[in-house]
Amino acid sequence: NVQSITDASNIDKGSKIIIRALDKANHNTIDIKNYSSNAADNAYLIMAYNEAAYNKIIINDTLFGVASDKREGILSIIAGLSNNAHDNTLII
């Protein structure tokens, strides 16, 4: 359980988890659960230059942008980004 940037005064900061490889990013998992972020910008990425395959991003019981009364913000989720991306899964 992680609670990220819970103070509303930090709303302008970002919350990010990025797995980045120069060649291949294969068989990685980002599992986010019981998580709360007040950040306006949230990014969760698995990426590589040549291949991103068989990666998973799992999001369960998670809140984003909770500091704003309007519940506004940016959420970027990419389970596989590369020149050759395949067999990647996003579970929400």
Protein backbone atom coordinates (compact mmCIF):
# COMPACT_ATOMS: atom_id res chain seq x y z
CA ASN A 1 0.00 0.00 0.00
CA VAL A 2 1.40 3.34 -1.07
CA GLN A 3 -0.10 6.77 -0.63
CA SER A 4 1.64 9.22 -2.93
CA ILE A 5 1.67 13.00 -2.68
CA THR A 6 -1.18 13.19 -0.18
CA ASP A 7 -0.78 16.89 0.63
CA ALA A 8 -2.88 19.12 -1.65
CA SER A 9 -0.04 21.67 -1.73
CA ASN A 10 1.92 19.16 -3.86
CA ILE A 11 -0.75 18.88 -6.57
CA ASP A 12 1.58 20.36 -9.23
CA LYS A 13 4.06 17.50 -8.83
CA GLY A 14 3.87 14.30 -10.87
CA SER A 15 3.64 10.65 -9.86
CA LYS A 16 5.44 8.30 -12.26
CA ILE A 17 6.55 4.69 -12.58
CA ILE A 18 8.63 4.12 -15.71
CA ILE A 19 10.47 0.96 -16.78
CA ARG A 20 12.74 1.96 -19.67
CA ALA A 21 15.28 -0.21 -21.49
CA LEU A 22 17.73 0.66 -24.25
CA ASP A 23 17.13 -2.59 -26.16
CA LYS A 24 14.29 -4.79 -24.80
CA ALA A 25 11.72 -4.48 -22.01
CA ASN A 26 10.08 -7.90 -21.81
CA HIS A 27 8.11 -9.76 -19.10
CA ASN A 28 7.74 -6.81 -16.69
CA THR A 29 4.80 -6.15 -14.37
CA ILE A 30 3.68 -2.93 -12.69
CA ASP A 31 0.99 -3.82 -10.14
CA ILE A 32 -0.67 -0.75 -8.60
CA LYS A 33 -3.25 -1.39 -5.90
CA ASN A 34 -4.63 0.41 -2.85
CA TYR A 35 -2.92 3.56 -4.16
CA SER A 36 -3.89 7.22 -3.99
CA SER A 37 -2.23 10.11 -5.83
CA ASN A 38 -3.05 13.79 -5.52
CA ALA A 39 -0.72 14.63 -8.40
CA ALA A 40 -2.18 16.33 -11.45
CA ASP A 41 0.08 14.30 -13.77
CA ASN A 42 0.33 10.50 -13.39
CA ALA A 43 2.31 8.30 -15.80
CA TYR A 44 2.87 4.53 -15.79
CA LEU A 45 4.96 3.22 -18.70
CA ILE A 46 6.93 0.19 -19.85
CA MET A 47 9.08 1.09 -22.85
CA ALA A 48 12.18 0.12 -24.82
CA TYR A 49 13.80 1.12 -28.09
CA ASN A 50 13.70 -2.24 -29.94
CA GLU A 51 11.08 -4.44 -28.25
CA ALA A 52 8.46 -4.27 -25.50
CA ALA A 53 6.62 -7.57 -25.14
CA TYR A 54 4.67 -9.62 -22.59
CA ASN A 55 4.42 -6.72 -20.14
CA LYS A 56 1.53 -6.07 -17.75
CA ILE A 57 0.23 -3.02 -15.96
CA ILE A 58 -2.43 -3.89 -13.38
CA ILE A 59 -4.43 -1.14 -11.65
CA ASN A 60 -6.79 -2.05 -8.81
CA ASP A 61 -8.51 0.11 -6.15
CA THR A 62 -6.60 3.23 -7.17
CA LEU A 63 -7.46 6.95 -7.06
CA PHE A 64 -5.86 9.65 -9.23
CA GLY A 65 -6.11 13.44 -8.96
CA VAL A 66 -7.88 13.33 -5.61
CA ALA A 67 -6.61 16.74 -4.41
CA SER A 68 -8.68 18.68 -6.94
CA ASP A 69 -12.35 19.43 -6.26
CA LYS A 70 -12.92 18.87 -9.99
CA ARG A 71 -11.01 15.56 -9.98
CA GLU A 72 -9.00 16.74 -12.95
CA GLY A 73 -5.58 15.74 -14.17
CA ILE A 74 -3.67 13.67 -16.69
CA LEU A 75 -3.32 9.89 -16.52
CA SER A 76 -0.98 8.16 -19.01
CA ILE A 77 -0.78 4.37 -19.02
CA ILE A 78 1.21 2.48 -21.66
CA ALA A 79 1.88 -1.24 -21.14
CA GLY A 80 4.35 -1.51 -24.03
CA LEU A 81 5.93 1.14 -26.24
CA SER A 82 8.74 0.44 -28.74
CA ASN A 83 9.54 -0.16 -32.39
CA ASN A 84 8.20 -3.71 -31.89
CA ALA A 85 5.48 -3.83 -29.21
CA HIS A 86 3.30 -6.93 -28.83
CA ASP A 87 1.46 -9.10 -26.29
CA ASN A 88 1.25 -6.34 -23.67
CA THR A 89 -1.68 -6.18 -21.24
CA LEU A 90 -3.39 -3.38 -19.34
CA ILE A 91 -5.79 -4.53 -16.61
CA ILE A 92 -7.99 -1.96 -14.89
